[in-house]
Amino acid sequence: MGTTTADGPRELSTGSPDIASNGPLPTIFTPEQAERGRRVFGSICSSCHGRNEFRGPIFQLTWMAEPVGNLFQHISTTMPYDEPGSLEEEEYAAIVAYMLDLNGRTPGDRELPADTGLLSRMRW
């Protein structure tokens, strides 16, 4: 996902002023990343959780006022229940991308990073 400046469009990258600043960042993920998250959710998470837990008004009231990083941090440190933190960070990011997709967020052309610092600056 890019940004537009007076000089024209600019890609959002870790070296850009958008990332380097301390301001909020757009929430980004790709359809492919959300699909990977759906597959990980189906193989790991669905034995305890239904996908409806992660969309709709109750989920949104709980998480949408929080930075995306809070959800990433919660999931990556407490799940799966029987082996917390056992997935790769990219798998946790893909699960969060899947949850963003479940809640109607529009995917883009950049993956949601598995970086808690960047995720803490992203809002739903």
PDB file of N, CA and C in Angstrom:
ATOM      1  N   MET A   1       0.864  -1.165   0.000  1.00  0.00           N
ATOM      2  CA  MET A   1       0.000   0.000   0.000  1.00  0.00           C
ATOM      3  C   MET A   1       0.901   1.216   0.000  1.00  0.00           C
ATOM      4  N   GLY A   2       0.644   2.146  -0.830  1.00  0.00           N
ATOM      5  CA  GLY A   2       1.463   3.339  -0.920  1.00  0.00           C
ATOM      6  C   GLY A   2       0.776   4.531  -0.306  1.00  0.00           C
ATOM      7  N   THR A   3       1.518   5.608  -0.265  1.00  0.00           N
ATOM      8  CA  THR A   3       0.954   6.869   0.191  1.00  0.00           C
ATOM      9  C   THR A   3       1.132   7.874  -0.924  1.00  0.00           C
ATOM     10  N   THR A   4       0.409   8.964  -0.860  1.00  0.00           N
ATOM     11  CA  THR A   4       0.530   9.998  -1.874  1.00  0.00           C
ATOM     12  C   THR A   4       1.092  11.252  -1.233  1.00  0.00           C
ATOM     13  N   THR A   5       2.079  11.825  -1.882  1.00  0.00           N
ATOM     14  CA  THR A   5       2.685  13.065  -1.408  1.00  0.00           C
ATOM     15  C   THR A   5       2.561  14.100  -2.511  1.00  0.00           C
ATOM     16  N   ALA A   6       3.061  15.296  -2.256  1.00  0.00           N
ATOM     17  CA  ALA A   6       3.044  16.345  -3.274  1.00  0.00           C
ATOM     18  C   ALA A   6       3.863  15.928  -4.490  1.00  0.00           C
ATOM     19  N   ASP A   7       4.820  15.032  -4.292  1.00  0.00           N
ATOM     20  CA  ASP A   7       5.650  14.547  -5.391  1.00  0.00           C
ATOM     21  C   ASP A   7       5.053  13.331  -6.083  1.00  0.00           C
ATOM     22  N   GLY A   8       3.899  12.852  -5.652  1.00  0.00           N
ATOM     23  CA  GLY A   8       3.267  11.686  -6.268  1.00  0.00           C
ATOM     24  C   GLY A   8       3.241  10.502  -5.320  1.00  0.00           C
ATOM     25  N   PRO A   9       2.837   9.319  -5.829  1.00  0.00           N
ATOM     26  CA  PRO A   9       2.726   8.149  -4.964  1.00  0.00           C
ATOM     27  C   PRO A   9       4.088   7.691  -4.463  1.00  0.00           C
ATOM     28  N   ARG A  10       4.086   7.103  -3.278  1.00  0.00           N
ATOM     29  CA  ARG A  10       5.309   6.590  -2.680  1.00  0.00           C
ATOM     30  C   ARG A  10       4.979   5.275  -1.999  1.00  0.00           C
ATOM     31  N   GLU A  11       5.820   4.287  -2.184  1.00  0.00           N
ATOM     32  CA  GLU A  11       5.603   3.000  -1.546  1.00  0.00           C
ATOM     33  C   GLU A  11       5.912   3.099  -0.058  1.00  0.00           C
ATOM     34  N   LEU A  12       5.140   2.378   0.725  1.00  0.00           N
ATOM     35  CA  LEU A  12       5.359   2.302   2.163  1.00  0.00           C
ATOM     36  C   LEU A  12       6.374   1.202   2.404  1.00  0.00           C
ATOM     37  N   SER A  13       7.548   1.541   2.865  1.00  0.00           N
ATOM     38  CA  SER A  13       8.576   0.544   3.139  1.00  0.00           C
ATOM     39  C   SER A  13       9.246   0.899   4.449  1.00  0.00           C
ATOM     40  N   THR A  14      10.011  -0.041   4.971  1.00  0.00           N
ATOM     41  CA  THR A  14      10.625   0.203   6.268  1.00  0.00           C
ATOM     42  C   THR A  14      11.607   1.362   6.227  1.00  0.00           C
ATOM     43  N   GLY A  15      12.077   1.751   5.052  1.00  0.00           N
ATOM     44  CA  GLY A  15      12.987   2.870   4.949  1.00  0.00           C
ATOM     45  C   GLY A  15      12.309   4.192   4.669  1.00  0.00           C
ATOM     46  N   SER A  16      11.014   4.194   4.480  1.00  0.00           N
ATOM     47  CA  SER A  16      10.325   5.435   4.137  1.00  0.00           C
ATOM     48  C   SER A  16      10.076   6.275   5.376  1.00  0.00           C
ATOM     49  N   PRO A  17       9.906   7.580   5.206  1.00  0.00           N
ATOM     50  CA  PRO A  17       9.601   8.445   6.342  1.00  0.00           C
ATOM     51  C   PRO A  17       8.313   8.034   7.058  1.00  0.00           C
ATOM     52  N   ASP A  18       7.365   7.421   6.327  1.00  0.00           N
ATOM     53  CA  ASP A  18       6.122   6.987   6.965  1.00  0.00           C
ATOM     54  C   ASP A  18       6.406   5.988   8.083  1.00  0.00           C
ATOM     55  N   ILE A  19       7.293   5.041   7.832  1.00  0.00           N
ATOM     56  CA  ILE A  19       7.634   4.031   8.822  1.00  0.00           C
ATOM     57  C   ILE A  19       8.552   4.633   9.882  1.00  0.00           C
ATOM     58  N   ALA A  20       9.495   5.463   9.448  1.00  0.00           N
ATOM     59  CA  ALA A  20      10.469   6.028  10.368  1.00  0.00           C
ATOM     60  C   ALA A  20       9.828   6.973  11.378  1.00  0.00           C
ATOM     61  N   SER A  21       8.724   7.613  11.016  1.00  0.00           N
ATOM     62  CA  SER A  21       8.073   8.521  11.956  1.00  0.00           C
ATOM     63  C   SER A  21       7.366   7.716  13.036  1.00  0.00           C
ATOM     64  N   ASN A  22       6.867   8.392  14.021  1.00  0.00           N
ATOM     65  CA  ASN A  22       6.163   7.717  15.107  1.00  0.00           C
ATOM     66  C   ASN A  22       4.658   7.764  14.952  1.00  0.00           C
ATOM     67  N   GLY A  23       4.170   8.260  13.828  1.00  0.00           N
ATOM     68  CA  GLY A  23       2.735   8.405  13.619  1.00  0.00           C
ATOM     69  C   GLY A  23       2.053   7.093  13.287  1.00  0.00           C
ATOM     70  N   PRO A  24       0.721   7.134  13.201  1.00  0.00           N
ATOM     71  CA  PRO A  24      -0.029   5.930  12.862  1.00  0.00           C
ATOM     72  C   PRO A  24       0.272   5.478  11.432  1.00  0.00           C
ATOM     73  N   LEU A  25       0.131   4.188  11.216  1.00  0.00           N
ATOM     74  CA  LEU A  25       0.368   3.591   9.905  1.00  0.00           C
ATOM     75  C   LEU A  25      -0.916   2.973   9.384  1.00  0.00           C
ATOM     76  N   PRO A  26      -1.055   2.877   8.066  1.00  0.00           N
ATOM     77  CA  PRO A  26      -2.222   2.171   7.531  1.00  0.00           C
ATOM     78  C   PRO A  26      -2.104   0.680   7.842  1.00  0.00           C
ATOM     79  N   THR A  27      -3.220   0.036   8.064  1.00  0.00           N
ATOM     80  CA  THR A  27      -3.229  -1.402   8.288  1.00  0.00           C
ATOM     81  C   THR A  27      -3.198  -2.077   6.928  1.00  0.00           C
ATOM     82  N   ILE A  28      -2.201  -2.911   6.712  1.00  0.00           N
ATOM     83  CA  ILE A  28      -1.992  -3.526   5.412  1.00  0.00           C
ATOM     84  C   ILE A  28      -1.925  -5.036   5.545  1.00  0.00           C
ATOM     85  N   PHE A  29      -2.438  -5.728   4.555  1.00  0.00           N
ATOM     86  CA  PHE A  29      -2.286  -7.174   4.418  1.00  0.00           C
ATOM     87  C   PHE A  29      -2.675  -7.530   2.994  1.00  0.00           C
ATOM     88  N   THR A  30      -2.261  -8.691   2.550  1.00  0.00           N
ATOM     89  CA  THR A  30      -2.610  -9.127   1.198  1.00  0.00           C
ATOM     90  C   THR A  30      -3.667 -10.223   1.262  1.00  0.00           C
ATOM     91  N   PRO A  31      -4.393 -10.432   0.160  1.00  0.00           N
ATOM     92  CA  PRO A  31      -5.341 -11.546   0.126  1.00  0.00           C
ATOM     93  C   PRO A  31      -4.639 -12.888   0.352  1.00  0.00           C
ATOM     94  N   GLU A  32      -3.428 -13.028  -0.191  1.00  0.00           N
ATOM     95  CA  GLU A  32      -2.678 -14.275  -0.027  1.00  0.00           C
ATOM     96  C   GLU A  32      -2.299 -14.501   1.434  1.00  0.00           C
ATOM     97  N   GLN A  33      -1.930 -13.432   2.124  1.00  0.00           N
ATOM     98  CA  GLN A  33      -1.582 -13.552   3.538  1.00  0.00           C
ATOM     99  C   GLN A  33      -2.810 -13.937   4.353  1.00  0.00           C
ATOM    100  N   ALA A  34      -3.948 -13.320   4.063  1.00  0.00           N
ATOM    101  CA  ALA A  34      -5.187 -13.679   4.765  1.00  0.00           C
ATOM    102  C   ALA A  34      -5.550 -15.138   4.498  1.00  0.00           C
ATOM    103  N   GLU A  35      -5.330 -15.606   3.283  1.00  0.00           N
ATOM    104  CA  GLU A  35      -5.602 -17.011   2.949  1.00  0.00           C
ATOM    105  C   GLU A  35      -4.670 -17.940   3.722  1.00  0.00           C
ATOM    106  N   ARG A  36      -3.392 -17.574   3.834  1.00  0.00           N
ATOM    107  CA  ARG A  36      -2.470 -18.372   4.659  1.00  0.00           C
ATOM    108  C   ARG A  36      -2.946 -18.393   6.102  1.00  0.00           C
ATOM    109  N   GLY A  37      -3.411 -17.243   6.585  1.00  0.00           N
ATOM    110  CA  GLY A  37      -3.941 -17.181   7.943  1.00  0.00           C
ATOM    111  C   GLY A  37      -5.161 -18.065   8.124  1.00  0.00           C
ATOM    112  N   ARG A  38      -6.020 -18.108   7.103  1.00  0.00           N
ATOM    113  CA  ARG A  38      -7.200 -18.975   7.156  1.00  0.00           C
ATOM    114  C   ARG A  38      -6.773 -20.436   7.257  1.00  0.00           C
ATOM    115  N   ARG A  39      -5.746 -20.815   6.489  1.00  0.00           N
ATOM    116  CA  ARG A  39      -5.269 -22.205   6.528  1.00  0.00           C
ATOM    117  C   ARG A  39      -4.637 -22.538   7.877  1.00  0.00           C
ATOM    118  N   VAL A  40      -3.815 -21.635   8.411  1.00  0.00           N
ATOM    119  CA  VAL A  40      -3.209 -21.872   9.732  1.00  0.00           C
ATOM    120  C   VAL A  40      -4.305 -21.958  10.785  1.00  0.00           C
ATOM    121  N   PHE A  41      -5.262 -21.035  10.722  1.00  0.00           N
ATOM    122  CA  PHE A  41      -6.382 -21.052  11.662  1.00  0.00           C
ATOM    123  C   PHE A  41      -7.104 -22.394  11.577  1.00  0.00           C
ATOM    124  N   GLY A  42      -7.379 -22.858  10.357  1.00  0.00           N
ATOM    125  CA  GLY A  42      -8.086 -24.119  10.169  1.00  0.00           C
ATOM    126  C   GLY A  42      -7.330 -25.315  10.709  1.00  0.00           C
ATOM    127  N   SER A  43      -6.009 -25.309  10.575  1.00  0.00           N
ATOM    128  CA  SER A  43      -5.238 -26.468  11.013  1.00  0.00           C
ATOM    129  C   SER A  43      -4.825 -26.406  12.481  1.00  0.00           C
ATOM    130  N   ILE A  44      -4.670 -25.225  13.036  1.00  0.00           N
ATOM    131  CA  ILE A  44      -4.177 -25.090  14.415  1.00  0.00           C
ATOM    132  C   ILE A  44      -5.252 -24.585  15.377  1.00  0.00           C
ATOM    133  N   CYS A  45      -5.951 -23.541  15.012  1.00  0.00           N
ATOM    134  CA  CYS A  45      -6.819 -22.814  15.944  1.00  0.00           C
ATOM    135  C   CYS A  45      -8.239 -23.366  16.023  1.00  0.00           C
ATOM    136  N   SER A  46      -8.711 -23.942  14.922  1.00  0.00           N
ATOM    137  CA  SER A  46     -10.131 -24.311  14.854  1.00  0.00           C
ATOM    138  C   SER A  46     -10.514 -25.459  15.775  1.00  0.00           C
ATOM    139  N   SER A  47      -9.543 -26.172  16.334  1.00  0.00           N
ATOM    140  CA  SER A  47      -9.897 -27.228  17.288  1.00  0.00           C
ATOM    141  C   SER A  47     -10.463 -26.632  18.576  1.00  0.00           C
ATOM    142  N   CYS A  48     -10.137 -25.376  18.866  1.00  0.00           N
ATOM    143  CA  CYS A  48     -10.665 -24.695  20.061  1.00  0.00           C
ATOM    144  C   CYS A  48     -11.562 -23.502  19.723  1.00  0.00           C
ATOM    145  N   HIS A  49     -11.358 -22.891  18.569  1.00  0.00           N
ATOM    146  CA  HIS A  49     -12.050 -21.649  18.220  1.00  0.00           C
ATOM    147  C   HIS A  49     -12.826 -21.782  16.918  1.00  0.00           C
ATOM    148  N   GLY A  50     -13.986 -21.143  16.881  1.00  0.00           N
ATOM    149  CA  GLY A  50     -14.731 -20.993  15.638  1.00  0.00           C
ATOM    150  C   GLY A  50     -14.406 -19.644  15.029  1.00  0.00           C
ATOM    151  N   ARG A  51     -14.467 -19.548  13.712  1.00  0.00           N
ATOM    152  CA  ARG A  51     -14.098 -18.278  13.074  1.00  0.00           C
ATOM    153  C   ARG A  51     -15.048 -17.151  13.445  1.00  0.00           C
ATOM    154  N   ASN A  52     -16.283 -17.467  13.820  1.00  0.00           N
ATOM    155  CA  ASN A  52     -17.239 -16.413  14.188  1.00  0.00           C
ATOM    156  C   ASN A  52     -16.838 -15.681  15.466  1.00  0.00           C
ATOM    157  N   GLU A  53     -15.965 -16.286  16.274  1.00  0.00           N
ATOM    158  CA  GLU A  53     -15.449 -15.600  17.470  1.00  0.00           C
ATOM    159  C   GLU A  53     -14.645 -14.362  17.102  1.00  0.00           C
ATOM    160  N   PHE A  54     -14.128 -14.336  15.889  1.00  0.00           N
ATOM    161  CA  PHE A  54     -13.160 -13.318  15.495  1.00  0.00           C
ATOM    162  C   PHE A  54     -13.703 -12.329  14.482  1.00  0.00           C
ATOM    163  N   ARG A  55     -15.012 -12.234  14.431  1.00  0.00           N
ATOM    164  CA  ARG A  55     -15.635 -11.220  13.581  1.00  0.00           C
ATOM    165  C   ARG A  55     -16.950 -10.806  14.212  1.00  0.00           C
ATOM    166  N   GLY A  56     -17.427  -9.677  13.780  1.00  0.00           N
ATOM    167  CA  GLY A  56     -18.706  -9.207  14.274  1.00  0.00           C
ATOM    168  C   GLY A  56     -18.578  -8.263  15.448  1.00  0.00           C
ATOM    169  N   PRO A  57     -19.720  -7.853  16.008  1.00  0.00           N
ATOM    170  CA  PRO A  57     -19.741  -6.765  16.987  1.00  0.00           C
ATOM    171  C   PRO A  57     -18.973  -7.032  18.276  1.00  0.00           C
ATOM    172  N   ILE A  58     -19.026  -8.232  18.821  1.00  0.00           N
ATOM    173  CA  ILE A  58     -18.327  -8.489  20.089  1.00  0.00           C
ATOM    174  C   ILE A  58     -16.818  -8.421  19.873  1.00  0.00           C
ATOM    175  N   PHE A  59     -16.340  -9.069  18.838  1.00  0.00           N
ATOM    176  CA  PHE A  59     -14.913  -9.009  18.519  1.00  0.00           C
ATOM    177  C   PHE A  59     -14.487  -7.571  18.248  1.00  0.00           C
ATOM    178  N   GLN A  60     -15.289  -6.863  17.473  1.00  0.00           N
ATOM    179  CA  GLN A  60     -14.950  -5.488  17.118  1.00  0.00           C
ATOM    180  C   GLN A  60     -14.931  -4.582  18.340  1.00  0.00           C
ATOM    181  N   LEU A  61     -15.877  -4.742  19.251  1.00  0.00           N
ATOM    182  CA  LEU A  61     -15.871  -3.936  20.479  1.00  0.00           C
ATOM    183  C   LEU A  61     -14.635  -4.220  21.319  1.00  0.00           C
ATOM    184  N   THR A  62     -14.189  -5.457  21.307  1.00  0.00           N
ATOM    185  CA  THR A  62     -13.030  -5.843  22.099  1.00  0.00           C
ATOM    186  C   THR A  62     -11.722  -5.342  21.502  1.00  0.00           C
ATOM    187  N   TRP A  63     -11.557  -5.461  20.174  1.00  0.00           N
ATOM    188  CA  TRP A  63     -10.250  -5.234  19.571  1.00  0.00           C
ATOM    189  C   TRP A  63     -10.125  -4.014  18.681  1.00  0.00           C
ATOM    190  N   MET A  64     -11.191  -3.520  18.104  1.00  0.00           N
ATOM    191  CA  MET A  64     -11.032  -2.470  17.099  1.00  0.00           C
ATOM    192  C   MET A  64     -10.600  -1.122  17.672  1.00  0.00           C
ATOM    193  N   ALA A  65     -10.734  -0.907  18.954  1.00  0.00           N
ATOM    194  CA  ALA A  65     -10.235   0.329  19.561  1.00  0.00           C
ATOM    195  C   ALA A  65      -8.747   0.217  19.905  1.00  0.00           C
ATOM    196  N   GLU A  66      -8.203  -0.974  19.767  1.00  0.00           N
ATOM    197  CA  GLU A  66      -6.808  -1.252  20.116  1.00  0.00           C
ATOM    198  C   GLU A  66      -5.930  -1.221  18.868  1.00  0.00           C
ATOM    199  N   PRO A  67      -4.645  -0.963  19.036  1.00  0.00           N
ATOM    200  CA  PRO A  67      -3.734  -1.132  17.901  1.00  0.00           C
ATOM    201  C   PRO A  67      -3.717  -2.602  17.469  1.00  0.00           C
ATOM    202  N   VAL A  68      -3.481  -2.845  16.204  1.00  0.00           N
ATOM    203  CA  VAL A  68      -3.404  -4.211  15.689  1.00  0.00           C
ATOM    204  C   VAL A  68      -2.316  -4.992  16.430  1.00  0.00           C
ATOM    205  N   GLY A  69      -1.267  -4.302  16.849  1.00  0.00           N
ATOM    206  CA  GLY A  69      -0.182  -4.952  17.583  1.00  0.00           C
ATOM    207  C   GLY A  69      -0.624  -5.605  18.876  1.00  0.00           C
ATOM    208  N   ASN A  70      -1.648  -5.064  19.526  1.00  0.00           N
ATOM    209  CA  ASN A  70      -2.125  -5.682  20.766  1.00  0.00           C
ATOM    210  C   ASN A  70      -2.708  -7.064  20.505  1.00  0.00           C
ATOM    211  N   LEU A  71      -3.467  -7.210  19.415  1.00  0.00           N
ATOM    212  CA  LEU A  71      -4.021  -8.516  19.065  1.00  0.00           C
ATOM    213  C   LEU A  71      -2.900  -9.473  18.672  1.00  0.00           C
ATOM    214  N   PHE A  72      -1.965  -9.002  17.859  1.00  0.00           N
ATOM    215  CA  PHE A  72      -0.818  -9.828  17.466  1.00  0.00           C
ATOM    216  C   PHE A  72      -0.066 -10.302  18.708  1.00  0.00           C
ATOM    217  N   GLN A  73       0.217  -9.395  19.625  1.00  0.00           N
ATOM    218  CA  GLN A  73       0.949  -9.730  20.853  1.00  0.00           C
ATOM    219  C   GLN A  73       0.174 -10.744  21.686  1.00  0.00           C
ATOM    220  N   HIS A  74      -1.124 -10.534  21.831  1.00  0.00           N
ATOM    221  CA  HIS A  74      -1.952 -11.451  22.618  1.00  0.00           C
ATOM    222  C   HIS A  74      -1.926 -12.857  22.020  1.00  0.00           C
ATOM    223  N   ILE A  75      -2.164 -12.939  20.717  1.00  0.00           N
ATOM    224  CA  ILE A  75      -2.212 -14.249  20.065  1.00  0.00           C
ATOM    225  C   ILE A  75      -0.840 -14.919  20.092  1.00  0.00           C
ATOM    226  N   SER A  76       0.206 -14.161  19.786  1.00  0.00           N
ATOM    227  CA  SER A  76       1.535 -14.768  19.665  1.00  0.00           C
ATOM    228  C   SER A  76       2.136 -15.178  21.009  1.00  0.00           C
ATOM    229  N   THR A  77       1.625 -14.655  22.101  1.00  0.00           N
ATOM    230  CA  THR A  77       2.163 -15.042  23.414  1.00  0.00           C
ATOM    231  C   THR A  77       1.262 -16.000  24.186  1.00  0.00           C
ATOM    232  N   THR A  78       0.019 -16.173  23.740  1.00  0.00           N
ATOM    233  CA  THR A  78      -0.901 -17.039  24.497  1.00  0.00           C
ATOM    234  C   THR A  78      -1.465 -18.205  23.694  1.00  0.00           C
ATOM    235  N   MET A  79      -1.207 -18.246  22.390  1.00  0.00           N
ATOM    236  CA  MET A  79      -1.795 -19.285  21.548  1.00  0.00           C
ATOM    237  C   MET A  79      -0.708 -20.009  20.755  1.00  0.00           C
ATOM    238  N   PRO A  80      -0.951 -21.253  20.392  1.00  0.00           N
ATOM    239  CA  PRO A  80      -2.068 -22.088  20.804  1.00  0.00           C
ATOM    240  C   PRO A  80      -2.017 -22.371  22.306  1.00  0.00           C
ATOM    241  N   TYR A  81      -3.174 -22.617  22.850  1.00  0.00           N
ATOM    242  CA  TYR A  81      -3.323 -22.767  24.295  1.00  0.00           C
ATOM    243  C   TYR A  81      -2.348 -23.797  24.867  1.00  0.00           C
ATOM    244  N   ASP A  82      -2.187 -24.915  24.176  1.00  0.00           N
ATOM    245  CA  ASP A  82      -1.334 -25.988  24.694  1.00  0.00           C
ATOM    246  C   ASP A  82       0.149 -25.800  24.375  1.00  0.00           C
ATOM    247  N   GLU A  83       0.478 -24.803  23.559  1.00  0.00           N
ATOM    248  CA  GLU A  83       1.868 -24.549  23.195  1.00  0.00           C
ATOM    249  C   GLU A  83       2.058 -23.091  22.779  1.00  0.00           C
ATOM    250  N   PRO A  84       1.846 -22.142  23.710  1.00  0.00           N
ATOM    251  CA  PRO A  84       1.905 -20.712  23.366  1.00  0.00           C
ATOM    252  C   PRO A  84       3.230 -20.320  22.716  1.00  0.00           C
ATOM    253  N   GLY A  85       3.131 -19.476  21.699  1.00  0.00           N
ATOM    254  CA  GLY A  85       4.314 -18.953  21.036  1.00  0.00           C
ATOM    255  C   GLY A  85       5.010 -19.931  20.108  1.00  0.00           C
ATOM    256  N   SER A  86       4.390 -21.071  19.819  1.00  0.00           N
ATOM    257  CA  SER A  86       5.061 -22.114  19.041  1.00  0.00           C
ATOM    258  C   SER A  86       5.009 -21.910  17.531  1.00  0.00           C
ATOM    259  N   LEU A  87       4.198 -20.988  17.055  1.00  0.00           N
ATOM    260  CA  LEU A  87       4.129 -20.727  15.616  1.00  0.00           C
ATOM    261  C   LEU A  87       5.191 -19.707  15.222  1.00  0.00           C
ATOM    262  N   GLU A  88       5.485 -19.648  13.939  1.00  0.00           N
ATOM    263  CA  GLU A  88       6.384 -18.618  13.420  1.00  0.00           C
ATOM    264  C   GLU A  88       5.677 -17.266  13.502  1.00  0.00           C
ATOM    265  N   GLU A  89       6.428 -16.189  13.689  1.00  0.00           N
ATOM    266  CA  GLU A  89       5.822 -14.858  13.754  1.00  0.00           C
ATOM    267  C   GLU A  89       5.013 -14.542  12.501  1.00  0.00           C
ATOM    268  N   GLU A  90       5.487 -15.000  11.343  1.00  0.00           N
ATOM    269  CA  GLU A  90       4.762 -14.770  10.093  1.00  0.00           C
ATOM    270  C   GLU A  90       3.410 -15.485  10.097  1.00  0.00           C
ATOM    271  N   GLU A  91       3.335 -16.643  10.777  1.00  0.00           N
ATOM    272  CA  GLU A  91       2.056 -17.350  10.877  1.00  0.00           C
ATOM    273  C   GLU A  91       1.081 -16.573  11.757  1.00  0.00           C
ATOM    274  N   TYR A  92       1.581 -16.013  12.851  1.00  0.00           N
ATOM    275  CA  TYR A  92       0.718 -15.182  13.696  1.00  0.00           C
ATOM    276  C   TYR A  92       0.238 -13.951  12.923  1.00  0.00           C
ATOM    277  N   ALA A  93       1.134 -13.326  12.158  1.00  0.00           N
ATOM    278  CA  ALA A  93       0.733 -12.163  11.353  1.00  0.00           C
ATOM    279  C   ALA A  93      -0.321 -12.565  10.324  1.00  0.00           C
ATOM    280  N   ALA A  94      -0.180 -13.750   9.736  1.00  0.00           N
ATOM    281  CA  ALA A  94      -1.164 -14.226   8.760  1.00  0.00           C
ATOM    282  C   ALA A  94      -2.522 -14.455   9.423  1.00  0.00           C
ATOM    283  N   ILE A  95      -2.525 -14.960  10.644  1.00  0.00           N
ATOM    284  CA  ILE A  95      -3.788 -15.151  11.371  1.00  0.00           C
ATOM    285  C   ILE A  95      -4.454 -13.802  11.625  1.00  0.00           C
ATOM    286  N   VAL A  96      -3.676 -12.804  12.020  1.00  0.00           N
ATOM    287  CA  VAL A  96      -4.236 -11.462  12.232  1.00  0.00           C
ATOM    288  C   VAL A  96      -4.760 -10.906  10.905  1.00  0.00           C
ATOM    289  N   ALA A  97      -4.043 -11.129   9.807  1.00  0.00           N
ATOM    290  CA  ALA A  97      -4.524 -10.691   8.486  1.00  0.00           C
ATOM    291  C   ALA A  97      -5.859 -11.356   8.172  1.00  0.00           C
ATOM    292  N   TYR A  98      -5.993 -12.628   8.500  1.00  0.00           N
ATOM    293  CA  TYR A  98      -7.255 -13.346   8.302  1.00  0.00           C
ATOM    294  C   TYR A  98      -8.369 -12.692   9.122  1.00  0.00           C
ATOM    295  N   MET A  99      -8.075 -12.313  10.357  1.00  0.00           N
ATOM    296  CA  MET A  99      -9.078 -11.653  11.203  1.00  0.00           C
ATOM    297  C   MET A  99      -9.458 -10.279  10.643  1.00  0.00           C
ATOM    298  N   LEU A 100      -8.481  -9.550  10.126  1.00  0.00           N
ATOM    299  CA  LEU A 100      -8.783  -8.270   9.474  1.00  0.00           C
ATOM    300  C   LEU A 100      -9.725  -8.499   8.294  1.00  0.00           C
ATOM    301  N   ASP A 101      -9.431  -9.528   7.512  1.00  0.00           N
ATOM    302  CA  ASP A 101     -10.261  -9.865   6.358  1.00  0.00           C
ATOM    303  C   ASP A 101     -11.668 -10.270   6.795  1.00  0.00           C
ATOM    304  N   LEU A 102     -11.771 -11.083   7.847  1.00  0.00           N
ATOM    305  CA  LEU A 102     -13.082 -11.494   8.363  1.00  0.00           C
ATOM    306  C   LEU A 102     -13.932 -10.296   8.775  1.00  0.00           C
ATOM    307  N   ASN A 103     -13.276  -9.217   9.181  1.00  0.00           N
ATOM    308  CA  ASN A 103     -13.986  -8.036   9.663  1.00  0.00           C
ATOM    309  C   ASN A 103     -14.111  -6.942   8.608  1.00  0.00           C
ATOM    310  N   GLY A 104     -13.959  -7.332   7.350  1.00  0.00           N
ATOM    311  CA  GLY A 104     -14.264  -6.423   6.261  1.00  0.00           C
ATOM    312  C   GLY A 104     -13.188  -5.445   5.858  1.00  0.00           C
ATOM    313  N   ARG A 105     -11.984  -5.591   6.406  1.00  0.00           N
ATOM    314  CA  ARG A 105     -10.899  -4.703   5.974  1.00  0.00           C
ATOM    315  C   ARG A 105     -10.510  -5.053   4.553  1.00  0.00           C
ATOM    316  N   THR A 106     -10.138  -4.069   3.782  1.00  0.00           N
ATOM    317  CA  THR A 106      -9.769  -4.271   2.386  1.00  0.00           C
ATOM    318  C   THR A 106      -8.288  -4.622   2.289  1.00  0.00           C
ATOM    319  N   PRO A 107      -7.980  -5.755   1.652  1.00  0.00           N
ATOM    320  CA  PRO A 107      -6.567  -6.107   1.490  1.00  0.00           C
ATOM    321  C   PRO A 107      -5.884  -5.187   0.490  1.00  0.00           C
ATOM    322  N   GLY A 108      -4.578  -5.179   0.549  1.00  0.00           N
ATOM    323  CA  GLY A 108      -3.789  -4.377  -0.372  1.00  0.00           C
ATOM    324  C   GLY A 108      -2.708  -5.219  -1.012  1.00  0.00           C
ATOM    325  N   ASP A 109      -1.586  -4.583  -1.316  1.00  0.00           N
ATOM    326  CA  ASP A 109      -0.513  -5.292  -2.010  1.00  0.00           C
ATOM    327  C   ASP A 109       0.735  -5.480  -1.150  1.00  0.00           C
ATOM    328  N   ARG A 110       0.633  -5.205   0.148  1.00  0.00           N
ATOM    329  CA  ARG A 110       1.753  -5.394   1.082  1.00  0.00           C
ATOM    330  C   ARG A 110       1.284  -6.241   2.244  1.00  0.00           C
ATOM    331  N   GLU A 111       2.143  -7.135   2.699  1.00  0.00           N
ATOM    332  CA  GLU A 111       1.778  -8.009   3.806  1.00  0.00           C
ATOM    333  C   GLU A 111       1.831  -7.271   5.145  1.00  0.00           C
ATOM    334  N   LEU A 112       0.971  -7.704   6.038  1.00  0.00           N
ATOM    335  CA  LEU A 112       1.008  -7.234   7.413  1.00  0.00           C
ATOM    336  C   LEU A 112       2.336  -7.706   8.002  1.00  0.00           C
ATOM    337  N   PRO A 113       3.135  -6.805   8.545  1.00  0.00           N
ATOM    338  CA  PRO A 113       4.440  -7.228   9.054  1.00  0.00           C
ATOM    339  C   PRO A 113       4.314  -7.969  10.381  1.00  0.00           C
ATOM    340  N   ALA A 114       5.263  -8.855  10.623  1.00  0.00           N
ATOM    341  CA  ALA A 114       5.326  -9.555  11.905  1.00  0.00           C
ATOM    342  C   ALA A 114       6.286  -8.778  12.805  1.00  0.00           C
ATOM    343  N   ASP A 115       5.996  -7.514  13.000  1.00  0.00           N
ATOM    344  CA  ASP A 115       6.852  -6.592  13.739  1.00  0.00           C
ATOM    345  C   ASP A 115       5.974  -5.852  14.743  1.00  0.00           C
ATOM    346  N   THR A 116       6.132  -6.161  16.024  1.00  0.00           N
ATOM    347  CA  THR A 116       5.241  -5.575  17.031  1.00  0.00           C
ATOM    348  C   THR A 116       5.357  -4.059  17.091  1.00  0.00           C
ATOM    349  N   GLY A 117       6.537  -3.511  16.812  1.00  0.00           N
ATOM    350  CA  GLY A 117       6.687  -2.060  16.806  1.00  0.00           C
ATOM    351  C   GLY A 117       5.837  -1.400  15.734  1.00  0.00           C
ATOM    352  N   LEU A 118       5.873  -1.951  14.523  1.00  0.00           N
ATOM    353  CA  LEU A 118       5.049  -1.410  13.441  1.00  0.00           C
ATOM    354  C   LEU A 118       3.577  -1.687  13.688  1.00  0.00           C
ATOM    355  N   LEU A 119       3.261  -2.899  14.129  1.00  0.00           N
ATOM    356  CA  LEU A 119       1.858  -3.260  14.368  1.00  0.00           C
ATOM    357  C   LEU A 119       1.231  -2.405  15.461  1.00  0.00           C
ATOM    358  N   SER A 120       2.035  -1.964  16.418  1.00  0.00           N
ATOM    359  CA  SER A 120       1.487  -1.137  17.500  1.00  0.00           C
ATOM    360  C   SER A 120       1.057   0.238  16.990  1.00  0.00           C
ATOM    361  N   ARG A 121       1.496   0.598  15.782  1.00  0.00           N
ATOM    362  CA  ARG A 121       1.114   1.888  15.190  1.00  0.00           C
ATOM    363  C   ARG A 121      -0.011   1.753  14.175  1.00  0.00           C
ATOM    364  N   MET A 122      -0.501   0.529  13.986  1.00  0.00           N
ATOM    365  CA  MET A 122      -1.590   0.296  13.030  1.00  0.00           C
ATOM    366  C   MET A 122      -2.909   0.169  13.762  1.00  0.00           C
ATOM    367  N   ARG A 123      -3.913   0.793  13.220  1.00  0.00           N
ATOM    368  CA  ARG A 123      -5.272   0.737  13.781  1.00  0.00           C
ATOM    369  C   ARG A 123      -6.180  -0.007  12.830  1.00  0.00           C
ATOM    370  N   TRP A 124      -7.235  -0.564  13.381  1.00  0.00           N
ATOM    371  CA  TRP A 124      -8.223  -1.276  12.573  1.00  0.00           C
ATOM    372  C   TRP A 124      -8.881  -0.298  11.653  1.00  0.00           C
TER     373      TRP A 124
END
